[in-house]
Amino acid sequence: MKKIIGIAAFLIVAVVCSANAQTKSKADTTDRKNIVEKAGDKTAEVAVKGKAAVVDKVYKDKVGPDGQKIYIDRHSKYYWVDKQGHNVYVTKDKLKPKQN
């Protein structure tokens, strides 16, 4: 009799624990993924801007289409760094004069 009660109690605890483990919603994991993705994008952006400031020249008289800082690489190409850390190359005619 004690064995049957012990086994029944064990099964009840196992079912309750497994039910609690599966209650994690997809929203929780999606929020975590978004937070991690945003942190990764910001890290990439800061790293690329830091490298660009050291290696490339900054174009002081012009800004990008939305006011971004423009860099000139070693091949005399103009670019700015987007929020994901990518270099976005632009032609000189798309640059705007800097507003002081």
N, C-alpha and C. Protein backbone atom coordinates (compact mmCIF):
# COMPACT_ATOMS: atom_id res chain seq x y z
N MET A 1 0.82 -1.19 0.00
CA MET A 1 0.00 0.00 0.00
C MET A 1 0.86 1.26 0.00
N LYS A 2 1.95 1.21 0.80
CA LYS A 2 2.82 2.37 0.86
C LYS A 2 3.49 2.62 -0.49
N LYS A 3 3.80 1.54 -1.21
CA LYS A 3 4.43 1.68 -2.53
C LYS A 3 3.48 2.34 -3.52
N ILE A 4 2.23 1.97 -3.49
CA ILE A 4 1.24 2.54 -4.40
C ILE A 4 1.06 4.02 -4.12
N ILE A 5 0.97 4.41 -2.86
CA ILE A 5 0.83 5.82 -2.49
C ILE A 5 2.09 6.59 -2.90
N GLY A 6 3.27 6.01 -2.69
CA GLY A 6 4.52 6.66 -3.07
C GLY A 6 4.63 6.87 -4.58
N ILE A 7 4.25 5.85 -5.34
CA ILE A 7 4.28 5.96 -6.81
C ILE A 7 3.27 6.99 -7.28
N ALA A 8 2.07 6.99 -6.71
CA ALA A 8 1.04 7.96 -7.09
C ALA A 8 1.49 9.38 -6.77
N ALA A 9 2.10 9.56 -5.61
CA ALA A 9 2.60 10.90 -5.25
C ALA A 9 3.70 11.33 -6.20
N PHE A 10 4.59 10.41 -6.56
CA PHE A 10 5.66 10.73 -7.49
C PHE A 10 5.10 11.14 -8.85
N LEU A 11 4.10 10.42 -9.35
CA LEU A 11 3.50 10.75 -10.64
C LEU A 11 2.80 12.10 -10.62
N ILE A 12 2.13 12.40 -9.52
CA ILE A 12 1.45 13.70 -9.40
C ILE A 12 2.48 14.84 -9.42
N VAL A 13 3.56 14.67 -8.67
CA VAL A 13 4.61 15.70 -8.64
C VAL A 13 5.25 15.84 -10.02
N ALA A 14 5.49 14.74 -10.72
CA ALA A 14 6.10 14.78 -12.06
C ALA A 14 5.19 15.49 -13.05
N VAL A 15 3.90 15.25 -12.99
CA VAL A 15 2.96 15.90 -13.90
C VAL A 15 2.88 17.39 -13.61
N VAL A 16 2.82 17.76 -12.35
CA VAL A 16 2.74 19.18 -11.98
C VAL A 16 4.00 19.91 -12.40
N CYS A 17 5.17 19.31 -12.19
CA CYS A 17 6.44 19.95 -12.56
C CYS A 17 6.56 20.11 -14.07
N SER A 18 6.15 19.10 -14.82
CA SER A 18 6.25 19.19 -16.27
C SER A 18 5.25 20.22 -16.80
N ALA A 19 4.11 20.36 -16.19
CA ALA A 19 3.14 21.37 -16.62
C ALA A 19 3.67 22.77 -16.36
N ASN A 20 4.35 22.97 -15.23
CA ASN A 20 4.92 24.28 -14.94
C ASN A 20 6.07 24.62 -15.87
N ALA A 21 6.82 23.63 -16.28
CA ALA A 21 7.96 23.86 -17.16
C ALA A 21 7.51 24.28 -18.55
N GLN A 22 6.33 23.90 -18.95
CA GLN A 22 5.85 24.20 -20.29
C GLN A 22 5.03 25.48 -20.35
N THR A 23 4.88 26.19 -19.27
CA THR A 23 4.08 27.41 -19.29
C THR A 23 4.85 28.62 -19.79
N LYS A 24 6.13 28.47 -20.11
CA LYS A 24 6.90 29.59 -20.63
C LYS A 24 6.32 29.99 -21.98
N SER A 25 5.95 31.23 -22.11
CA SER A 25 5.29 31.65 -23.33
C SER A 25 6.30 32.01 -24.41
N LYS A 26 5.82 32.02 -25.62
CA LYS A 26 6.67 32.39 -26.74
C LYS A 26 7.01 33.87 -26.70
N ALA A 27 6.17 34.65 -26.06
CA ALA A 27 6.43 36.09 -25.94
C ALA A 27 7.69 36.35 -25.13
N ASP A 28 7.92 35.54 -24.10
CA ASP A 28 9.13 35.71 -23.29
C ASP A 28 10.38 35.49 -24.12
N THR A 29 10.39 34.42 -24.91
CA THR A 29 11.57 34.14 -25.72
C THR A 29 11.72 35.16 -26.84
N THR A 30 10.61 35.64 -27.39
CA THR A 30 10.67 36.66 -28.44
C THR A 30 11.23 37.95 -27.89
N ASP A 31 10.80 38.34 -26.69
CA ASP A 31 11.32 39.56 -26.07
C ASP A 31 12.81 39.44 -25.83
N ARG A 32 13.26 38.30 -25.36
CA ARG A 32 14.69 38.10 -25.13
C ARG A 32 15.47 38.17 -26.42
N LYS A 33 14.94 37.58 -27.48
CA LYS A 33 15.62 37.63 -28.78
C LYS A 33 15.72 39.06 -29.28
N ASN A 34 14.65 39.84 -29.11
CA ASN A 34 14.68 41.23 -29.54
C ASN A 34 15.70 42.04 -28.75
N ILE A 35 15.76 41.80 -27.46
CA ILE A 35 16.72 42.53 -26.62
C ILE A 35 18.14 42.18 -27.02
N VAL A 36 18.39 40.89 -27.24
CA VAL A 36 19.73 40.46 -27.64
C VAL A 36 20.09 41.01 -29.01
N GLU A 37 19.12 41.02 -29.92
CA GLU A 37 19.38 41.54 -31.26
C GLU A 37 19.68 43.04 -31.22
N LYS A 38 18.94 43.79 -30.42
CA LYS A 38 19.19 45.23 -30.30
C LYS A 38 20.55 45.50 -29.69
N ALA A 39 20.92 44.72 -28.69
CA ALA A 39 22.24 44.89 -28.06
C ALA A 39 23.34 44.57 -29.06
N GLY A 40 23.17 43.54 -29.85
CA GLY A 40 24.15 43.18 -30.86
C GLY A 40 24.28 44.24 -31.92
N ASP A 41 23.15 44.81 -32.36
CA ASP A 41 23.18 45.88 -33.36
C ASP A 41 23.91 47.11 -32.82
N LYS A 42 23.63 47.48 -31.59
CA LYS A 42 24.27 48.66 -30.99
C LYS A 42 25.78 48.42 -30.84
N THR A 43 26.16 47.22 -30.44
CA THR A 43 27.57 46.89 -30.30
C THR A 43 28.27 46.98 -31.65
N ALA A 44 27.64 46.45 -32.69
CA ALA A 44 28.22 46.50 -34.03
C ALA A 44 28.34 47.94 -34.52
N GLU A 45 27.31 48.74 -34.26
CA GLU A 45 27.33 50.14 -34.68
C GLU A 45 28.47 50.90 -34.02
N VAL A 46 28.63 50.73 -32.72
CA VAL A 46 29.68 51.44 -31.98
C VAL A 46 31.06 50.97 -32.45
N ALA A 47 31.21 49.68 -32.68
CA ALA A 47 32.50 49.15 -33.12
C ALA A 47 32.88 49.67 -34.51
N VAL A 48 31.94 49.69 -35.42
CA VAL A 48 32.22 50.15 -36.78
C VAL A 48 32.49 51.65 -36.78
N LYS A 49 31.73 52.42 -36.00
CA LYS A 49 31.98 53.86 -35.93
C LYS A 49 33.33 54.16 -35.31
N GLY A 50 33.72 53.38 -34.31
CA GLY A 50 35.03 53.56 -33.70
C GLY A 50 36.15 53.27 -34.67
N LYS A 51 36.01 52.19 -35.43
CA LYS A 51 37.01 51.86 -36.44
C LYS A 51 37.07 52.93 -37.52
N ALA A 52 35.90 53.39 -37.96
CA ALA A 52 35.85 54.40 -39.02
C ALA A 52 36.49 55.71 -38.56
N ALA A 53 36.28 56.07 -37.31
CA ALA A 53 36.86 57.32 -36.81
C ALA A 53 38.38 57.23 -36.75
N VAL A 54 38.92 56.06 -36.53
CA VAL A 54 40.38 55.89 -36.43
C VAL A 54 41.00 55.70 -37.81
N VAL A 55 40.40 54.85 -38.64
CA VAL A 55 41.02 54.46 -39.90
C VAL A 55 40.68 55.44 -41.02
N ASP A 56 39.45 55.87 -41.12
CA ASP A 56 39.00 56.70 -42.24
C ASP A 56 38.89 58.16 -41.83
N LYS A 57 38.77 59.00 -42.85
CA LYS A 57 38.63 60.43 -42.61
C LYS A 57 37.15 60.78 -42.43
N VAL A 58 36.89 61.81 -41.65
CA VAL A 58 35.54 62.30 -41.46
C VAL A 58 35.34 63.51 -42.37
N TYR A 59 34.25 63.51 -43.14
CA TYR A 59 33.94 64.62 -44.03
C TYR A 59 33.25 65.68 -43.19
N LYS A 60 33.93 66.78 -42.95
CA LYS A 60 33.45 67.79 -42.00
C LYS A 60 32.44 68.76 -42.58
N ASP A 61 32.42 68.94 -43.89
CA ASP A 61 31.55 69.94 -44.50
C ASP A 61 30.20 69.39 -44.95
N LYS A 62 30.06 68.08 -45.03
CA LYS A 62 28.83 67.48 -45.53
C LYS A 62 28.30 66.45 -44.54
N VAL A 63 27.00 66.18 -44.63
CA VAL A 63 26.35 65.14 -43.84
C VAL A 63 25.54 64.25 -44.78
N GLY A 64 25.09 63.12 -44.26
CA GLY A 64 24.29 62.19 -45.05
C GLY A 64 22.88 62.69 -45.29
N PRO A 65 22.08 61.91 -45.99
CA PRO A 65 20.71 62.32 -46.31
C PRO A 65 19.86 62.65 -45.08
N ASP A 66 20.10 61.97 -43.96
CA ASP A 66 19.33 62.23 -42.74
C ASP A 66 20.20 62.84 -41.64
N GLY A 67 21.30 63.47 -42.01
CA GLY A 67 22.16 64.13 -41.05
C GLY A 67 23.23 63.23 -40.44
N GLN A 68 23.52 62.09 -41.05
CA GLN A 68 24.53 61.16 -40.54
C GLN A 68 25.94 61.71 -40.78
N LYS A 69 26.86 61.29 -39.94
CA LYS A 69 28.27 61.64 -40.12
C LYS A 69 28.81 60.84 -41.30
N ILE A 70 29.53 61.52 -42.18
CA ILE A 70 30.05 60.88 -43.38
C ILE A 70 31.54 60.60 -43.20
N TYR A 71 31.94 59.39 -43.61
CA TYR A 71 33.33 58.97 -43.56
C TYR A 71 33.83 58.77 -44.99
N ILE A 72 35.13 58.95 -45.20
CA ILE A 72 35.74 58.73 -46.50
C ILE A 72 36.75 57.59 -46.32
N ASP A 73 36.57 56.50 -47.08
CA ASP A 73 37.48 55.37 -46.93
C ASP A 73 38.73 55.57 -47.77
N ARG A 74 39.62 54.59 -47.77
CA ARG A 74 40.90 54.73 -48.45
C ARG A 74 40.77 54.73 -49.96
N HIS A 75 39.60 54.37 -50.48
CA HIS A 75 39.34 54.40 -51.92
C HIS A 75 38.56 55.65 -52.32
N SER A 76 38.50 56.63 -51.43
CA SER A 76 37.78 57.90 -51.64
C SER A 76 36.29 57.69 -51.88
N LYS A 77 35.71 56.70 -51.22
CA LYS A 77 34.27 56.48 -51.30
C LYS A 77 33.65 57.01 -50.01
N TYR A 78 32.45 57.59 -50.13
CA TYR A 78 31.76 58.19 -49.01
C TYR A 78 30.76 57.19 -48.44
N TYR A 79 30.69 57.11 -47.11
CA TYR A 79 29.73 56.21 -46.48
C TYR A 79 29.36 56.74 -45.11
N TRP A 80 28.26 56.20 -44.59
CA TRP A 80 27.85 56.44 -43.21
C TRP A 80 27.49 55.09 -42.61
N VAL A 81 27.43 55.02 -41.29
CA VAL A 81 27.18 53.76 -40.59
C VAL A 81 25.73 53.76 -40.10
N ASP A 82 24.99 52.70 -40.48
CA ASP A 82 23.59 52.62 -40.05
C ASP A 82 23.48 52.02 -38.65
N LYS A 83 22.26 51.86 -38.16
CA LYS A 83 22.04 51.40 -36.79
C LYS A 83 22.40 49.94 -36.56
N GLN A 84 22.61 49.18 -37.62
CA GLN A 84 23.01 47.78 -37.48
C GLN A 84 24.51 47.60 -37.67
N GLY A 85 25.24 48.69 -37.91
CA GLY A 85 26.68 48.61 -38.06
C GLY A 85 27.15 48.39 -39.48
N HIS A 86 26.26 48.54 -40.45
CA HIS A 86 26.64 48.37 -41.85
C HIS A 86 27.10 49.70 -42.44
N ASN A 87 28.08 49.63 -43.33
CA ASN A 87 28.51 50.82 -44.07
C ASN A 87 27.54 51.03 -45.22
N VAL A 88 26.95 52.21 -45.30
CA VAL A 88 26.03 52.54 -46.38
C VAL A 88 26.74 53.57 -47.26
N TYR A 89 27.14 53.14 -48.45
CA TYR A 89 27.87 54.00 -49.36
C TYR A 89 26.92 54.92 -50.10
N VAL A 90 27.32 56.17 -50.28
CA VAL A 90 26.52 57.16 -50.98
C VAL A 90 27.41 57.90 -51.97
N THR A 91 26.77 58.45 -52.98
CA THR A 91 27.52 59.27 -53.93
C THR A 91 27.63 60.68 -53.40
N LYS A 92 28.59 61.41 -53.92
CA LYS A 92 28.85 62.76 -53.41
C LYS A 92 27.67 63.70 -53.67
N ASP A 93 26.92 63.47 -54.75
CA ASP A 93 25.80 64.36 -55.05
C ASP A 93 24.62 64.18 -54.11
N LYS A 94 24.56 63.09 -53.35
CA LYS A 94 23.48 62.88 -52.38
C LYS A 94 23.79 63.46 -51.00
N LEU A 95 25.01 63.97 -50.80
CA LEU A 95 25.38 64.56 -49.54
C LEU A 95 24.82 65.97 -49.42
N LYS A 96 24.52 66.37 -48.19
CA LYS A 96 23.96 67.69 -47.92
C LYS A 96 25.00 68.53 -47.19
N PRO A 97 24.95 69.86 -47.37
CA PRO A 97 25.87 70.71 -46.61
C PRO A 97 25.53 70.67 -45.13
N LYS A 98 26.56 70.74 -44.32
CA LYS A 98 26.37 70.65 -42.87
C LYS A 98 25.78 71.96 -42.35
N GLN A 99 24.75 71.86 -41.51
CA GLN A 99 24.12 73.03 -40.89
C GLN A 99 24.87 73.36 -39.60
N ASN A 100 25.35 74.54 -39.45
CA ASN A 100 26.08 74.90 -38.21
C ASN A 100 25.17 75.43 -37.19
